[in-house]
Amino acid sequence: MSRLILLNKPYGVVCQFSGDGTRPTLADHVGVPGVYPAGRLDTDSEGLLLLTDDGGVQHRIADPKHKLPKTYLAQVEGEPDDAALARLRAGVNLGDFITRPCEVRRVTQPDWLWPRDPPVRFRKSVPTSWLEIVLREGKNRQVRRMTAAVGFPTLRLIRLAVGPFRLDGLAPGIWREESIPAELGAATRPDRVRRQGGRGGRIPQRTNAAERRR
């Protein structure tokens, strides 16, 4: 029976199981044989990463033509105005391609958010702010390139959701197994939760409920 694992990938973890010993990899957090990432998450990004042992499920999740929305929380340098947000929503010319229209809104920093290690650089003279961005495509370093193109570089990036799957309740380095919805082309299985090390506190469930209502 096919398996689907949701991992909160910590900052600095390479999105593969093999490595050269200089940086942590997925093998340091997920001890499940035969699974591999369905899509990728940059080494300097954090948050939700899906893994599966089913090639069809992997394709359905990772292939941009299926347009599964991906929700990100981005801490940016500066305070984007309405014009900058409108540019992001309409699509940004990044030179090699123009991004598709997306959803963007200002948000406050969630109270459940864990501290990053190492911390984001702090500049007393430059404020930072938070954006929630929902994409239906996944080009290389797209969110970072988009916010930089409109004048507000991304300092920290956390993926909150991929399609119906959310980060809720997972601390950095922790994973859980979930049922695979029928629309992803595999039989379902009972939810199971596993802990495999990691740092940081578990996200409070009451906060997750509030997050889902946003």
N, C-alpha and C. Protein backbone atom coordinates (compact mmCIF):
# COMPACT_ATOMS: atom_id res chain seq x y z
N MET A 1 0.84 -1.19 0.00
CA MET A 1 0.00 0.00 0.00
C MET A 1 0.88 1.24 0.00
N SER A 2 0.51 2.25 -0.80
CA SER A 2 1.32 3.45 -0.96
C SER A 2 1.40 4.25 0.34
N ARG A 3 2.51 4.96 0.50
CA ARG A 3 2.73 5.74 1.70
C ARG A 3 2.92 7.21 1.32
N LEU A 4 2.44 8.10 2.20
CA LEU A 4 2.64 9.53 2.02
C LEU A 4 3.07 10.11 3.36
N ILE A 5 4.22 10.77 3.38
CA ILE A 5 4.79 11.34 4.60
C ILE A 5 4.88 12.84 4.47
N LEU A 6 4.47 13.53 5.53
CA LEU A 6 4.58 14.98 5.62
C LEU A 6 5.70 15.31 6.60
N LEU A 7 6.71 16.01 6.12
CA LEU A 7 7.86 16.39 6.94
C LEU A 7 7.96 17.90 7.04
N ASN A 8 8.27 18.39 8.23
CA ASN A 8 8.63 19.80 8.39
C ASN A 8 10.15 19.87 8.22
N LYS A 9 10.58 20.20 7.01
CA LYS A 9 12.01 20.23 6.71
C LYS A 9 12.66 21.44 7.38
N PRO A 10 13.67 21.21 8.20
CA PRO A 10 14.34 22.35 8.84
C PRO A 10 15.22 23.12 7.85
N TYR A 11 15.53 24.34 8.23
CA TYR A 11 16.47 25.18 7.47
C TYR A 11 17.82 24.46 7.40
N GLY A 12 18.45 24.50 6.23
CA GLY A 12 19.78 23.94 6.08
C GLY A 12 19.82 22.49 5.71
N VAL A 13 18.68 21.80 5.68
CA VAL A 13 18.65 20.38 5.31
C VAL A 13 18.53 20.25 3.80
N VAL A 14 19.44 19.48 3.21
CA VAL A 14 19.43 19.26 1.76
C VAL A 14 18.27 18.33 1.41
N CYS A 15 17.55 18.65 0.35
CA CYS A 15 16.33 17.92 -0.01
C CYS A 15 16.65 16.64 -0.80
N GLN A 16 17.45 15.78 -0.19
CA GLN A 16 17.78 14.48 -0.76
C GLN A 16 18.28 13.58 0.37
N PHE A 17 18.33 12.28 0.09
CA PHE A 17 18.73 11.34 1.14
C PHE A 17 20.23 11.10 1.17
N SER A 18 20.90 11.28 0.04
CA SER A 18 22.35 11.10 0.01
C SER A 18 23.04 12.44 0.25
N GLY A 19 24.28 12.38 0.71
CA GLY A 19 25.02 13.60 0.97
C GLY A 19 26.50 13.33 1.08
N ASP A 20 27.27 14.41 1.29
CA ASP A 20 28.71 14.27 1.41
C ASP A 20 29.20 14.41 2.84
N GLY A 21 28.26 14.45 3.78
CA GLY A 21 28.63 14.54 5.18
C GLY A 21 28.84 15.94 5.69
N THR A 22 28.76 16.95 4.82
CA THR A 22 28.99 18.33 5.26
C THR A 22 27.70 19.02 5.70
N ARG A 23 26.55 18.55 5.20
CA ARG A 23 25.27 19.16 5.56
C ARG A 23 24.25 18.06 5.85
N PRO A 24 23.28 18.34 6.73
CA PRO A 24 22.25 17.33 7.01
C PRO A 24 21.37 17.08 5.79
N THR A 25 20.85 15.88 5.69
CA THR A 25 19.97 15.50 4.59
C THR A 25 18.66 14.94 5.16
N LEU A 26 17.77 14.55 4.26
CA LEU A 26 16.50 13.96 4.69
C LEU A 26 16.71 12.69 5.50
N ALA A 27 17.81 11.98 5.24
CA ALA A 27 18.09 10.74 5.96
C ALA A 27 18.29 10.98 7.45
N ASP A 28 18.62 12.21 7.84
CA ASP A 28 18.79 12.54 9.25
C ASP A 28 17.46 12.71 9.97
N HIS A 29 16.36 12.76 9.22
CA HIS A 29 15.06 13.02 9.82
C HIS A 29 13.99 11.98 9.49
N VAL A 30 14.12 11.30 8.36
CA VAL A 30 13.10 10.33 7.94
C VAL A 30 13.77 8.97 7.76
N GLY A 31 13.44 8.04 8.64
CA GLY A 31 14.02 6.71 8.57
C GLY A 31 13.10 5.70 7.93
N VAL A 32 12.41 6.11 6.88
CA VAL A 32 11.46 5.23 6.18
C VAL A 32 12.08 4.80 4.86
N PRO A 33 12.28 3.52 4.65
CA PRO A 33 12.89 3.07 3.39
C PRO A 33 11.95 3.23 2.21
N GLY A 34 12.53 3.56 1.04
CA GLY A 34 11.78 3.54 -0.21
C GLY A 34 10.99 4.78 -0.54
N VAL A 35 11.03 5.83 0.31
CA VAL A 35 10.29 7.05 -0.01
C VAL A 35 11.25 8.08 -0.60
N TYR A 36 10.69 9.01 -1.38
CA TYR A 36 11.49 10.06 -1.99
C TYR A 36 10.61 11.30 -2.11
N PRO A 37 11.23 12.48 -2.24
CA PRO A 37 10.45 13.72 -2.25
C PRO A 37 9.52 13.83 -3.45
N ALA A 38 8.32 14.34 -3.20
CA ALA A 38 7.38 14.70 -4.26
C ALA A 38 7.47 16.21 -4.42
N GLY A 39 8.41 16.64 -5.26
CA GLY A 39 8.74 18.06 -5.34
C GLY A 39 9.94 18.34 -4.46
N ARG A 40 10.40 19.59 -4.47
CA ARG A 40 11.60 19.94 -3.74
C ARG A 40 11.36 21.18 -2.88
N LEU A 41 12.28 21.41 -1.97
CA LEU A 41 12.28 22.60 -1.13
C LEU A 41 13.75 22.99 -0.96
N ASP A 42 14.07 24.24 -1.27
CA ASP A 42 15.46 24.68 -1.23
C ASP A 42 16.09 24.44 0.14
N THR A 43 17.40 24.28 0.14
CA THR A 43 18.13 24.05 1.39
C THR A 43 17.88 25.17 2.39
N ASP A 44 17.80 26.41 1.92
CA ASP A 44 17.61 27.54 2.82
C ASP A 44 16.14 27.89 3.04
N SER A 45 15.24 27.01 2.63
CA SER A 45 13.81 27.17 2.92
C SER A 45 13.38 26.11 3.92
N GLU A 46 12.26 26.37 4.58
CA GLU A 46 11.76 25.49 5.63
C GLU A 46 10.34 25.07 5.32
N GLY A 47 9.85 24.10 6.11
CA GLY A 47 8.43 23.79 6.05
C GLY A 47 8.08 22.49 5.36
N LEU A 48 6.88 22.46 4.81
CA LEU A 48 6.26 21.22 4.37
C LEU A 48 6.95 20.62 3.14
N LEU A 49 7.36 19.36 3.31
CA LEU A 49 7.88 18.56 2.21
C LEU A 49 7.13 17.24 2.21
N LEU A 50 6.61 16.83 1.06
CA LEU A 50 5.90 15.56 0.92
C LEU A 50 6.84 14.50 0.37
N LEU A 51 6.75 13.30 0.92
CA LEU A 51 7.54 12.16 0.44
C LEU A 51 6.61 10.98 0.23
N THR A 52 6.90 10.17 -0.78
CA THR A 52 6.06 9.02 -1.09
C THR A 52 6.90 7.90 -1.70
N ASP A 53 6.36 6.70 -1.67
CA ASP A 53 7.00 5.57 -2.35
C ASP A 53 6.26 5.20 -3.62
N ASP A 54 5.31 6.04 -4.05
CA ASP A 54 4.45 5.76 -5.20
C ASP A 54 4.76 6.77 -6.32
N GLY A 55 5.26 6.28 -7.45
CA GLY A 55 5.63 7.16 -8.55
C GLY A 55 4.46 7.95 -9.11
N GLY A 56 3.28 7.34 -9.18
CA GLY A 56 2.11 8.05 -9.67
C GLY A 56 1.70 9.19 -8.76
N VAL A 57 1.75 8.95 -7.47
CA VAL A 57 1.42 9.99 -6.49
C VAL A 57 2.45 11.10 -6.56
N GLN A 58 3.72 10.72 -6.68
CA GLN A 58 4.79 11.72 -6.78
C GLN A 58 4.56 12.62 -7.99
N HIS A 59 4.21 12.03 -9.12
CA HIS A 59 3.98 12.81 -10.33
C HIS A 59 2.78 13.74 -10.16
N ARG A 60 1.72 13.24 -9.55
CA ARG A 60 0.50 14.04 -9.38
C ARG A 60 0.75 15.23 -8.48
N ILE A 61 1.63 15.09 -7.49
CA ILE A 61 1.92 16.18 -6.57
C ILE A 61 2.91 17.16 -7.19
N ALA A 62 3.96 16.64 -7.84
CA ALA A 62 5.07 17.48 -8.26
C ALA A 62 4.87 18.14 -9.62
N ASP A 63 4.10 17.54 -10.51
CA ASP A 63 3.98 18.05 -11.87
C ASP A 63 3.18 19.36 -11.88
N PRO A 64 3.77 20.46 -12.37
CA PRO A 64 3.07 21.76 -12.37
C PRO A 64 1.76 21.75 -13.12
N LYS A 65 1.59 20.85 -14.11
CA LYS A 65 0.35 20.88 -14.89
C LYS A 65 -0.87 20.54 -14.05
N HIS A 66 -0.66 19.89 -12.91
CA HIS A 66 -1.78 19.56 -12.04
C HIS A 66 -2.18 20.73 -11.14
N LYS A 67 -1.31 21.75 -11.07
CA LYS A 67 -1.63 23.03 -10.42
C LYS A 67 -2.08 22.89 -8.96
N LEU A 68 -1.45 21.99 -8.22
CA LEU A 68 -1.74 21.96 -6.78
C LEU A 68 -1.23 23.25 -6.15
N PRO A 69 -2.08 24.00 -5.46
CA PRO A 69 -1.59 25.26 -4.86
C PRO A 69 -0.57 24.98 -3.78
N LYS A 70 0.43 25.85 -3.71
CA LYS A 70 1.46 25.78 -2.68
C LYS A 70 1.45 27.10 -1.92
N THR A 71 1.29 27.00 -0.61
CA THR A 71 1.15 28.20 0.23
C THR A 71 2.45 28.42 1.00
N TYR A 72 2.97 29.65 0.92
CA TYR A 72 4.23 30.01 1.55
C TYR A 72 4.04 31.19 2.50
N LEU A 73 4.84 31.20 3.54
CA LEU A 73 4.95 32.32 4.45
C LEU A 73 6.33 32.92 4.25
N ALA A 74 6.39 34.17 3.81
CA ALA A 74 7.66 34.81 3.49
C ALA A 74 7.89 36.03 4.36
N GLN A 75 9.04 36.06 5.02
CA GLN A 75 9.48 37.27 5.71
C GLN A 75 10.33 38.06 4.73
N VAL A 76 9.94 39.30 4.45
CA VAL A 76 10.64 40.10 3.46
C VAL A 76 11.25 41.34 4.10
N GLU A 77 12.28 41.82 3.46
CA GLU A 77 12.94 43.04 3.91
C GLU A 77 12.15 44.25 3.41
N GLY A 78 11.72 45.09 4.34
CA GLY A 78 10.92 46.25 3.97
C GLY A 78 9.44 45.99 4.17
N GLU A 79 8.64 46.95 3.74
CA GLU A 79 7.19 46.87 3.91
C GLU A 79 6.51 47.08 2.56
N PRO A 80 6.17 46.01 1.87
CA PRO A 80 5.56 46.12 0.54
C PRO A 80 4.28 46.95 0.56
N ASP A 81 4.16 47.87 -0.40
CA ASP A 81 2.95 48.67 -0.51
C ASP A 81 1.95 47.97 -1.43
N ASP A 82 0.81 48.59 -1.61
CA ASP A 82 -0.23 47.98 -2.43
C ASP A 82 0.23 47.76 -3.87
N ALA A 83 1.06 48.67 -4.38
CA ALA A 83 1.53 48.54 -5.76
C ALA A 83 2.42 47.31 -5.91
N ALA A 84 3.26 47.06 -4.93
CA ALA A 84 4.14 45.89 -4.98
C ALA A 84 3.33 44.60 -4.91
N LEU A 85 2.32 44.58 -4.04
CA LEU A 85 1.47 43.40 -3.93
C LEU A 85 0.69 43.16 -5.23
N ALA A 86 0.24 44.24 -5.86
CA ALA A 86 -0.49 44.12 -7.13
C ALA A 86 0.42 43.53 -8.21
N ARG A 87 1.68 43.91 -8.23
CA ARG A 87 2.63 43.36 -9.21
C ARG A 87 2.82 41.86 -8.98
N LEU A 88 2.96 41.47 -7.73
CA LEU A 88 3.12 40.05 -7.43
C LEU A 88 1.89 39.26 -7.85
N ARG A 89 0.71 39.79 -7.58
CA ARG A 89 -0.53 39.08 -7.92
C ARG A 89 -0.71 38.94 -9.42
N ALA A 90 -0.31 39.95 -10.17
CA ALA A 90 -0.56 39.97 -11.61
C ALA A 90 0.41 39.09 -12.38
N GLY A 91 1.60 38.86 -11.82
CA GLY A 91 2.65 38.13 -12.52
C GLY A 91 3.86 39.00 -12.70
N VAL A 92 5.03 38.46 -12.42
CA VAL A 92 6.27 39.22 -12.44
C VAL A 92 7.17 38.70 -13.55
N ASN A 93 7.73 39.63 -14.34
CA ASN A 93 8.68 39.25 -15.39
C ASN A 93 10.04 39.02 -14.74
N LEU A 94 10.48 37.76 -14.71
CA LEU A 94 11.76 37.42 -14.09
C LEU A 94 12.86 37.23 -15.13
N GLY A 95 12.59 37.64 -16.37
CA GLY A 95 13.59 37.54 -17.41
C GLY A 95 13.45 36.27 -18.22
N ASP A 96 13.60 35.12 -17.56
CA ASP A 96 13.48 33.85 -18.27
C ASP A 96 12.04 33.36 -18.34
N PHE A 97 11.16 33.93 -17.54
CA PHE A 97 9.74 33.62 -17.63
C PHE A 97 8.95 34.65 -16.85
N ILE A 98 7.64 34.70 -17.11
CA ILE A 98 6.71 35.57 -16.37
C ILE A 98 5.87 34.68 -15.47
N THR A 99 5.83 34.99 -14.21
CA THR A 99 5.09 34.15 -13.27
C THR A 99 3.59 34.24 -13.52
N ARG A 100 2.89 33.17 -13.18
CA ARG A 100 1.44 33.17 -13.30
C ARG A 100 0.84 34.05 -12.20
N PRO A 101 -0.38 34.53 -12.41
CA PRO A 101 -1.06 35.25 -11.34
C PRO A 101 -1.13 34.40 -10.08
N CYS A 102 -1.00 35.04 -8.93
CA CYS A 102 -1.01 34.31 -7.67
C CYS A 102 -1.76 35.12 -6.61
N GLU A 103 -1.90 34.51 -5.46
CA GLU A 103 -2.55 35.18 -4.33
C GLU A 103 -1.48 35.66 -3.35
N VAL A 104 -1.61 36.90 -2.92
CA VAL A 104 -0.65 37.48 -1.97
C VAL A 104 -1.41 38.36 -0.99
N ARG A 105 -1.06 38.26 0.29
CA ARG A 105 -1.64 39.17 1.28
C ARG A 105 -0.66 39.36 2.41
N ARG A 106 -0.77 40.51 3.07
CA ARG A 106 0.03 40.78 4.25
C ARG A 106 -0.52 39.99 5.43
N VAL A 107 0.37 39.47 6.27
CA VAL A 107 -0.04 38.77 7.48
C VAL A 107 0.90 39.18 8.61
N THR A 108 0.50 38.87 9.83
CA THR A 108 1.39 39.07 10.97
C THR A 108 2.18 37.78 11.21
N GLN A 109 3.30 37.91 11.88
CA GLN A 109 4.10 36.72 12.19
C GLN A 109 3.30 35.80 13.10
N PRO A 110 3.12 34.53 12.72
CA PRO A 110 2.34 33.61 13.56
C PRO A 110 2.99 33.41 14.92
N ASP A 111 2.19 33.28 15.97
CA ASP A 111 2.76 33.09 17.30
C ASP A 111 3.33 31.70 17.50
N TRP A 112 3.01 30.75 16.58
CA TRP A 112 3.54 29.40 16.70
C TRP A 112 4.88 29.22 15.99
N LEU A 113 5.33 30.24 15.26
CA LEU A 113 6.51 30.08 14.43
C LEU A 113 7.77 29.87 15.27
N TRP A 114 8.50 28.84 14.96
CA TRP A 114 9.73 28.50 15.69
C TRP A 114 10.86 29.44 15.29
N PRO A 115 11.85 29.64 16.15
CA PRO A 115 13.02 30.45 15.77
C PRO A 115 13.88 29.71 14.76
N ARG A 116 14.45 30.44 13.83
CA ARG A 116 15.32 29.81 12.85
C ARG A 116 16.75 29.74 13.38
N ASP A 117 17.44 28.66 13.02
CA ASP A 117 18.83 28.47 13.40
C ASP A 117 19.65 28.22 12.14
N PRO A 118 20.49 29.20 11.71
CA PRO A 118 20.81 30.47 12.37
C PRO A 118 19.70 31.50 12.17
N PRO A 119 19.67 32.52 13.04
CA PRO A 119 18.62 33.53 12.93
C PRO A 119 18.75 34.33 11.64
N VAL A 120 17.64 34.92 11.22
CA VAL A 120 17.65 35.85 10.09
C VAL A 120 18.45 37.08 10.49
N ARG A 121 19.20 37.61 9.55
CA ARG A 121 20.00 38.80 9.85
C ARG A 121 19.09 39.96 10.27
N PHE A 122 19.55 40.73 11.22
CA PHE A 122 18.75 41.83 11.75
C PHE A 122 19.41 43.15 11.40
N ARG A 123 18.63 44.06 10.81
CA ARG A 123 19.12 45.41 10.50
C ARG A 123 18.18 46.40 11.17
N LYS A 124 18.70 47.09 12.15
CA LYS A 124 17.87 47.98 12.96
C LYS A 124 17.18 49.05 12.13
N SER A 125 17.83 49.48 11.05
CA SER A 125 17.29 50.57 10.25
C SER A 125 16.30 50.11 9.19
N VAL A 126 16.15 48.80 9.00
CA VAL A 126 15.27 48.29 7.94
C VAL A 126 14.22 47.36 8.56
N PRO A 127 12.94 47.73 8.47
CA PRO A 127 11.90 46.86 9.03
C PRO A 127 11.70 45.62 8.15
N THR A 128 11.06 44.62 8.71
CA THR A 128 10.67 43.45 7.92
C THR A 128 9.17 43.26 8.05
N SER A 129 8.60 42.48 7.14
CA SER A 129 7.17 42.19 7.18
C SER A 129 6.95 40.79 6.62
N TRP A 130 5.71 40.31 6.77
CA TRP A 130 5.37 38.94 6.39
C TRP A 130 4.29 38.93 5.33
N LEU A 131 4.45 38.04 4.35
CA LEU A 131 3.47 37.85 3.30
C LEU A 131 3.07 36.38 3.23
N GLU A 132 1.81 36.13 2.93
CA GLU A 132 1.35 34.79 2.58
C GLU A 132 1.16 34.76 1.07
N ILE A 133 1.81 33.82 0.41
CA ILE A 133 1.81 33.74 -1.05
C ILE A 133 1.35 32.35 -1.47
N VAL A 134 0.37 32.30 -2.37
CA VAL A 134 -0.14 31.02 -2.88
C VAL A 134 0.17 30.94 -4.37
N LEU A 135 1.01 29.96 -4.74
CA LEU A 135 1.39 29.75 -6.14
C LEU A 135 0.75 28.49 -6.69
N ARG A 136 0.61 28.46 -8.00
CA ARG A 136 0.15 27.24 -8.68
C ARG A 136 1.16 26.82 -9.74
N GLU A 137 2.40 27.11 -9.45
CA GLU A 137 3.54 26.69 -10.25
C GLU A 137 4.73 26.60 -9.30
N GLY A 138 5.85 26.10 -9.77
CA GLY A 138 6.96 25.91 -8.84
C GLY A 138 8.30 25.99 -9.52
N LYS A 139 8.65 27.17 -10.04
CA LYS A 139 9.96 27.36 -10.66
C LYS A 139 11.04 27.46 -9.57
N ASN A 140 12.28 27.28 -9.99
CA ASN A 140 13.40 27.32 -9.05
C ASN A 140 13.48 28.66 -8.32
N ARG A 141 13.45 28.63 -6.99
CA ARG A 141 13.57 29.81 -6.12
C ARG A 141 12.58 30.91 -6.51
N GLN A 142 11.38 30.51 -6.90
CA GLN A 142 10.43 31.45 -7.47
C GLN A 142 10.00 32.53 -6.50
N VAL A 143 9.62 32.17 -5.27
CA VAL A 143 9.14 33.19 -4.33
C VAL A 143 10.24 34.21 -4.06
N ARG A 144 11.45 33.75 -3.84
CA ARG A 144 12.56 34.67 -3.57
C ARG A 144 12.80 35.60 -4.75
N ARG A 145 12.75 35.06 -5.95
CA ARG A 145 12.97 35.89 -7.14
C ARG A 145 11.84 36.89 -7.34
N MET A 146 10.61 36.48 -7.04
CA MET A 146 9.47 37.37 -7.20
C MET A 146 9.54 38.56 -6.25
N THR A 147 9.77 38.29 -4.97
CA THR A 147 9.78 39.41 -4.01
C THR A 147 10.98 40.32 -4.26
N ALA A 148 12.13 39.75 -4.66
CA ALA A 148 13.29 40.59 -4.97
C ALA A 148 13.01 41.47 -6.18
N ALA A 149 12.27 40.94 -7.16
CA ALA A 149 11.99 41.69 -8.38
C ALA A 149 11.13 42.92 -8.13
N VAL A 150 10.32 42.89 -7.08
CA VAL A 150 9.48 44.05 -6.76
C VAL A 150 10.09 44.88 -5.62
N GLY A 151 11.34 44.57 -5.26
CA GLY A 151 12.07 45.42 -4.32
C GLY A 151 12.06 45.01 -2.87
N PHE A 152 11.61 43.76 -2.57
CA PHE A 152 11.50 43.34 -1.18
C PHE A 152 12.07 41.92 -1.03
N PRO A 153 13.39 41.81 -0.88
CA PRO A 153 14.03 40.48 -0.82
C PRO A 153 13.48 39.62 0.30
N THR A 154 13.36 38.33 0.03
CA THR A 154 12.91 37.38 1.03
C THR A 154 14.06 37.03 1.98
N LEU A 155 13.80 37.13 3.27
CA LEU A 155 14.79 36.80 4.30
C LEU A 155 14.57 35.39 4.86
N ARG A 156 13.31 34.98 4.91
CA ARG A 156 12.97 33.67 5.45
C ARG A 156 11.75 33.15 4.71
N LEU A 157 11.76 31.85 4.38
CA LEU A 157 10.67 31.28 3.59
C LEU A 157 10.25 29.94 4.17
N ILE A 158 8.95 29.82 4.50
CA ILE A 158 8.39 28.60 5.08
C ILE A 158 7.21 28.16 4.21
N ARG A 159 7.22 26.90 3.77
CA ARG A 159 6.06 26.39 3.03
C ARG A 159 5.05 25.83 4.02
N LEU A 160 3.83 26.33 3.97
CA LEU A 160 2.77 25.95 4.90
C LEU A 160 1.90 24.83 4.38
N ALA A 161 1.71 24.75 3.06
CA ALA A 161 0.76 23.78 2.53
C ALA A 161 1.08 23.44 1.09
N VAL A 162 0.73 22.21 0.70
CA VAL A 162 0.75 21.77 -0.70
C VAL A 162 -0.60 21.11 -0.94
N GLY A 163 -1.44 21.73 -1.79
CA GLY A 163 -2.77 21.21 -2.00
C GLY A 163 -3.51 21.08 -0.68
N PRO A 164 -4.06 19.90 -0.38
CA PRO A 164 -4.83 19.73 0.86
C PRO A 164 -3.95 19.42 2.08
N PHE A 165 -2.66 19.29 1.89
CA PHE A 165 -1.77 18.89 2.98
C PHE A 165 -1.16 20.11 3.65
N ARG A 166 -1.23 20.16 5.00
CA ARG A 166 -0.77 21.32 5.74
C ARG A 166 0.29 20.93 6.76
N LEU A 167 1.06 21.95 7.13
CA LEU A 167 2.14 21.77 8.10
C LEU A 167 1.65 21.63 9.52
N ASP A 168 0.38 21.89 9.76
CA ASP A 168 -0.19 21.96 11.11
C ASP A 168 0.33 20.87 12.03
N GLY A 169 0.80 21.27 13.21
CA GLY A 169 1.17 20.31 14.25
C GLY A 169 2.54 19.71 14.14
N LEU A 170 3.35 20.10 13.15
CA LEU A 170 4.67 19.51 12.97
C LEU A 170 5.76 20.51 13.34
N ALA A 171 6.60 20.15 14.30
CA ALA A 171 7.77 20.94 14.64
C ALA A 171 8.88 20.63 13.65
N PRO A 172 9.90 21.45 13.55
CA PRO A 172 10.99 21.19 12.60
C PRO A 172 11.63 19.81 12.81
N GLY A 173 11.82 19.08 11.72
CA GLY A 173 12.42 17.76 11.77
C GLY A 173 11.47 16.64 12.11
N ILE A 174 10.19 16.94 12.33
CA ILE A 174 9.18 15.94 12.70
C ILE A 174 8.34 15.61 11.46
N TRP A 175 7.92 14.34 11.37
CA TRP A 175 7.08 13.93 10.25
C TRP A 175 5.88 13.13 10.74
N ARG A 176 4.88 13.07 9.88
CA ARG A 176 3.74 12.19 10.14
C ARG A 176 3.31 11.57 8.82
N GLU A 177 2.63 10.44 8.92
CA GLU A 177 2.10 9.77 7.74
C GLU A 177 0.62 10.04 7.65
N GLU A 178 0.14 10.33 6.44
CA GLU A 178 -1.27 10.64 6.22
C GLU A 178 -1.86 9.78 5.12
N SER A 179 -3.18 9.75 5.09
CA SER A 179 -3.89 9.06 4.02
C SER A 179 -3.67 9.77 2.69
N ILE A 180 -3.64 8.99 1.63
CA ILE A 180 -3.52 9.55 0.29
C ILE A 180 -4.92 9.71 -0.29
N PRO A 181 -5.34 10.93 -0.61
CA PRO A 181 -6.68 11.12 -1.16
C PRO A 181 -6.87 10.37 -2.48
N ALA A 182 -8.08 9.97 -2.75
CA ALA A 182 -8.38 9.20 -3.96
C ALA A 182 -8.00 9.96 -5.22
N GLU A 183 -8.11 11.28 -5.20
CA GLU A 183 -7.80 12.06 -6.40
C GLU A 183 -6.32 12.03 -6.76
N LEU A 184 -5.47 11.60 -5.83
CA LEU A 184 -4.05 11.47 -6.14
C LEU A 184 -3.72 10.09 -6.70
N GLY A 185 -4.73 9.23 -6.82
CA GLY A 185 -4.54 7.98 -7.54
C GLY A 185 -4.01 6.83 -6.76
N ALA A 186 -4.20 6.81 -5.43
CA ALA A 186 -3.74 5.68 -4.63
C ALA A 186 -4.78 5.36 -3.58
N ALA A 187 -4.75 4.12 -3.09
CA ALA A 187 -5.67 3.73 -2.03
C ALA A 187 -5.34 4.47 -0.75
N THR A 188 -6.36 4.74 0.06
CA THR A 188 -6.13 5.43 1.31
C THR A 188 -5.69 4.45 2.38
N ARG A 189 -5.10 5.01 3.44
CA ARG A 189 -4.65 4.21 4.57
C ARG A 189 -4.86 5.03 5.83
N PRO A 190 -5.00 4.42 7.00
CA PRO A 190 -5.22 5.19 8.22
C PRO A 190 -4.06 6.12 8.51
N ASP A 191 -4.39 7.30 9.07
CA ASP A 191 -3.35 8.24 9.48
C ASP A 191 -2.50 7.64 10.57
N ARG A 192 -1.20 7.90 10.50
CA ARG A 192 -0.28 7.49 11.54
C ARG A 192 0.67 8.64 11.83
N VAL A 193 1.06 8.79 13.07
CA VAL A 193 1.95 9.87 13.46
C VAL A 193 3.23 9.26 14.01
N ARG A 194 4.36 9.79 13.57
CA ARG A 194 5.65 9.34 14.06
C ARG A 194 6.50 10.55 14.39
N ARG A 195 7.39 10.43 15.36
CA ARG A 195 8.34 11.47 15.68
C ARG A 195 9.74 10.94 15.40
N GLN A 196 10.54 11.76 14.73
CA GLN A 196 11.90 11.35 14.41
C GLN A 196 12.85 12.49 14.74
N GLY A 197 13.03 12.81 16.02
CA GLY A 197 13.97 13.84 16.41
C GLY A 197 13.51 15.21 16.00
N GLY A 198 14.47 16.11 15.75
CA GLY A 198 14.14 17.47 15.37
C GLY A 198 14.14 18.38 16.57
N ARG A 199 14.15 19.68 16.30
CA ARG A 199 14.21 20.67 17.36
C ARG A 199 12.98 21.55 17.31
N GLY A 200 12.73 22.27 18.40
CA GLY A 200 11.61 23.19 18.44
C GLY A 200 10.39 22.55 19.04
N GLY A 201 9.46 23.37 19.48
CA GLY A 201 8.25 22.87 20.12
C GLY A 201 7.18 22.51 19.12
N ARG A 202 6.28 21.67 19.55
CA ARG A 202 5.16 21.29 18.71
C ARG A 202 4.21 22.46 18.58
N ILE A 203 3.73 22.70 17.38
CA ILE A 203 2.83 23.82 17.14
C ILE A 203 1.52 23.57 17.87
N PRO A 204 1.05 24.49 18.72
CA PRO A 204 -0.17 24.26 19.48
C PRO A 204 -1.36 24.03 18.56
N GLN A 205 -2.18 23.05 18.91
CA GLN A 205 -3.32 22.72 18.07
C GLN A 205 -4.34 23.85 18.02
N ARG A 206 -4.52 24.56 19.11
CA ARG A 206 -5.48 25.66 19.08
C ARG A 206 -5.05 26.74 18.08
N THR A 207 -3.73 26.94 17.96
CA THR A 207 -3.22 27.90 17.00
C THR A 207 -3.42 27.39 15.58
N ASN A 208 -3.25 26.08 15.36
CA ASN A 208 -3.47 25.55 14.03
C ASN A 208 -4.88 25.79 13.55
N ALA A 209 -5.86 25.61 14.45
CA ALA A 209 -7.25 25.83 14.08
C ALA A 209 -7.47 27.27 13.63
N ALA A 210 -6.84 28.20 14.37
CA ALA A 210 -6.97 29.60 14.00
C ALA A 210 -6.33 29.87 12.63
N GLU A 211 -5.18 29.21 12.40
CA GLU A 211 -4.50 29.36 11.13
C GLU A 211 -5.37 28.89 9.98
N ARG A 212 -6.09 27.79 10.17
CA ARG A 212 -6.91 27.26 9.09
C ARG A 212 -8.06 28.18 8.74
N ARG A 213 -8.46 29.05 9.69
CA ARG A 213 -9.60 29.95 9.42
C ARG A 213 -9.16 31.22 8.72
N ARG A 214 -7.84 31.39 8.51
CA ARG A 214 -7.40 32.64 7.90
C ARG A 214 -7.92 32.79 6.49
